[in-house]
Every structure is written in C-alpha cells, then in structure tokens.
Amino acid sequence: DVYLFSYFYDRTQPLGMPESFTLRELKDLTARVCEGGQAWDVFHSVEGAMDELRDRPETCLDLNFMVALLHTGYEMPIDREVKIAKKIKGNELGWCLGA
C-alpha cells in the first residue's frame, strides 16, 4: 500500500476524497477544482468543501502539484491506487522537515 499523508490528506479529504483512490481520480478532482465555481456543484454535498474551496484559492495549484509529483515525478501509473490517512493504528502521521 502507498499512503499519502500530511498535506496530501489535508488537501484531498475535505473535498470528499475517500480513504482510497487512484491517481486518475485525483487528476479528475483536480480538473473539477480548477474549472472554478461553475463546476463546483458536486461539492455541495460534501460538508465544508465549499468553504475549503472559497478560502483556499491555491487548491488548484496544490492538487496539480500532487498529481505531477506522483505521476510524473515518481512515475506512478495513473491507475495506481493510493490511500490517505491522518492516523494509522492511533498514531498520527507526519513527516520531518529536512529529513
């Protein structure tokens, strides 16, 4: 399993991404977000998603970076399944800057 945590979790989970998804689904989410407000109707059913989108104009950039890093940078196949998590077995996930 490949787990994405920290900023990946913080950017995707509030927009309704499930615990497990493919890079293609992340790419589709990115396209929807980057289309702007006229394409955001799908987010009305996700609690807090509209506030997240309105309050963070950098979300399009962040999601594009994530897709590019994983697919182009790390050469993960577009249909590769990944998982997001904040905690595993009660332990909070994070990473050390500079490690």
Protein backbone atom coordinates (compact mmCIF):
# COMPACT_ATOMS: atom_id res chain seq x y z
CA ASP A 1 0.00 0.00 0.00
CA VAL A 2 1.10 3.54 -0.72
CA TYR A 3 -0.07 6.05 1.89
CA LEU A 4 -0.23 9.78 1.32
CA PHE A 5 -0.39 11.88 4.44
CA SER A 6 0.19 15.35 5.78
CA TYR A 7 -0.59 17.94 3.10
CA PHE A 8 -1.97 15.31 0.70
CA TYR A 9 -4.55 14.34 3.32
CA ASP A 10 -5.27 17.95 4.26
CA ARG A 11 -6.00 18.98 0.66
CA THR A 12 -7.99 15.95 -0.55
CA GLN A 13 -10.04 14.74 2.42
CA PRO A 14 -12.03 18.00 2.87
CA LEU A 15 -13.07 17.74 -0.78
CA GLY A 16 -14.65 14.34 -0.22
CA MET A 17 -11.93 12.02 -1.46
CA PRO A 18 -12.32 8.57 0.08
CA GLU A 19 -9.63 6.80 2.08
CA SER A 20 -8.51 5.00 -1.10
CA PHE A 21 -8.46 6.34 -4.67
CA THR A 22 -6.48 6.20 -7.90
CA LEU A 23 -4.23 8.89 -9.32
CA ARG A 24 -6.75 9.20 -12.16
CA GLU A 25 -9.45 10.07 -9.62
CA LEU A 26 -7.09 12.64 -8.10
CA LYS A 27 -6.49 14.05 -11.58
CA ASP A 28 -10.27 14.24 -12.17
CA LEU A 29 -10.73 16.02 -8.83
CA THR A 30 -8.00 18.45 -9.81
CA ALA A 31 -9.68 19.21 -13.14
CA ARG A 32 -13.02 19.83 -11.40
CA VAL A 33 -11.49 22.15 -8.81
CA CYS A 34 -9.50 24.07 -11.42
CA GLU A 35 -12.59 24.66 -13.58
CA GLY A 36 -13.74 27.11 -10.95
CA GLY A 37 -17.01 27.88 -9.24
CA GLN A 38 -19.25 26.91 -12.15
CA ALA A 39 -18.03 23.29 -11.81
CA TRP A 40 -18.23 23.06 -8.03
CA ASP A 41 -21.87 21.92 -7.74
CA VAL A 42 -20.66 18.40 -6.97
CA PHE A 43 -19.00 19.69 -3.77
CA HIS A 44 -22.24 20.99 -2.22
CA SER A 45 -22.94 17.52 -0.82
CA VAL A 46 -19.57 17.38 0.97
CA GLU A 47 -19.72 19.14 4.32
CA GLY A 48 -17.24 22.01 4.44
CA ALA A 49 -15.93 21.52 0.89
CA MET A 50 -17.31 24.80 -0.45
CA ASP A 51 -15.76 26.71 2.44
CA GLU A 52 -12.46 24.96 1.77
CA LEU A 53 -12.56 25.90 -1.91
CA ARG A 54 -13.57 29.51 -1.30
CA ASP A 55 -10.99 30.04 1.45
CA ARG A 56 -8.06 28.44 -0.38
CA PRO A 57 -7.54 29.80 -3.89
CA GLU A 58 -4.29 27.82 -4.08
CA THR A 59 -6.13 24.46 -4.06
CA CYS A 60 -5.92 24.11 -7.86
CA LEU A 61 -2.16 24.63 -7.74
CA ASP A 62 -1.72 22.24 -4.80
CA LEU A 63 -3.68 19.43 -6.46
CA ASN A 64 -1.83 19.87 -9.76
CA PHE A 65 1.48 19.64 -7.92
CA MET A 66 0.37 16.45 -6.18
CA VAL A 67 -0.67 14.76 -9.43
CA ALA A 68 2.55 15.85 -11.15
CA LEU A 69 4.74 14.72 -8.25
CA LEU A 70 3.16 11.29 -8.00
CA HIS A 71 2.56 10.55 -11.69
CA THR A 72 5.36 12.38 -13.47
CA GLY A 73 7.94 12.72 -10.71
CA TYR A 74 7.61 9.31 -9.04
CA GLU A 75 6.34 7.66 -12.24
CA MET A 76 3.33 6.06 -10.55
CA PRO A 77 0.85 4.69 -13.09
CA ILE A 78 -2.28 6.83 -13.44
CA ASP A 79 -4.43 3.90 -12.31
CA ARG A 80 -2.29 3.26 -9.20
CA GLU A 81 -4.36 3.13 -6.05
CA VAL A 82 -3.16 5.22 -3.11
CA LYS A 83 -4.53 5.79 0.37
CA ILE A 84 -4.78 8.88 2.54
CA ALA A 85 -4.66 8.81 6.28
CA LYS A 86 -4.30 11.12 9.26
CA LYS A 87 -3.61 8.26 11.67
CA ILE A 88 -2.71 4.59 11.46
CA LYS A 89 -3.49 2.43 14.49
CA GLY A 90 -3.99 5.58 16.58
CA ASN A 91 -0.63 7.07 15.63
CA GLU A 92 -0.68 10.46 13.93
CA LEU A 93 1.23 10.52 10.66
CA GLY A 94 3.55 13.28 9.65
CA TRP A 95 6.99 13.92 8.27
CA CYS A 96 10.03 15.73 9.50
CA LEU A 97 11.04 18.79 7.51
CA GLY A 98 14.52 18.31 6.17
CA ALA A 99 14.60 14.57 6.78
